[in-house]
Amino acid sequence: MDSTDLSSTNAATVTSDKRYKTDIATLQAALDTVKQLRGVKYSWRRDEFPDKGFSTGVHSGFIAQEVEQVIPEAVATAADGFKSLRMSYVIPYLVEAAKAQDATIKALEEKLAAQEAKLAAQDAENAEQNAKLAAQDAAAALEAEKTKALEAVVASLVSQMQNLTASSSSSVISSSSSG
């Protein structure tokens, strides 16, 4: 099939039974590989290649030559030099990249949860310290009120003593003058 359009009621299948395979290894650095791919929008050059039966409109996909630099096994080169892309070779990289991103997201979520717990503990400690400071401020205000009241009492006593002293001095002066 020369075009990327598939018109069928049957899904494409690819032989993938484990029993046919050897040297099986999980793809490494799949996310880094996927990040090198460039998704593009394009239109087919239908007028230059009418025999290919390309469909009209805007399409999305990859450029085979660019994918070949990143995932060489995903590109086939025909005898005429034109390249085609084996999408089934790209999909495993996308799956492993998604899993890598998911692991990163989970690690970040755990780190965020730990930081939020630490902040909550600090907030609780700050609230406790603020409550202690408020209690100290209240105690200081009470002490200030007591000191002010005591100062008023002392001032009153001093005034009374001065009045008594003045009164005693006038009595002594009057008694000495009369006698």
Foldseek 3Di string as FASTA:
>chain_A
DLEPDDDDPDDDDDDDDPVVDDPDDQDPPLLVLVVQFDKDKDADPCVVPVVSVYDGDIDIDGQLVSNCVRQVVQWDADPVRDIDGNVVSSVSSVVVSVVVVVVVVVVVVVVVVVVVVVVVVVVVVVVVVVVVVVVVVVVVVVVVVVVVVVVVVVVVVVVVVVVVVVVVVVVVVVVVVVD
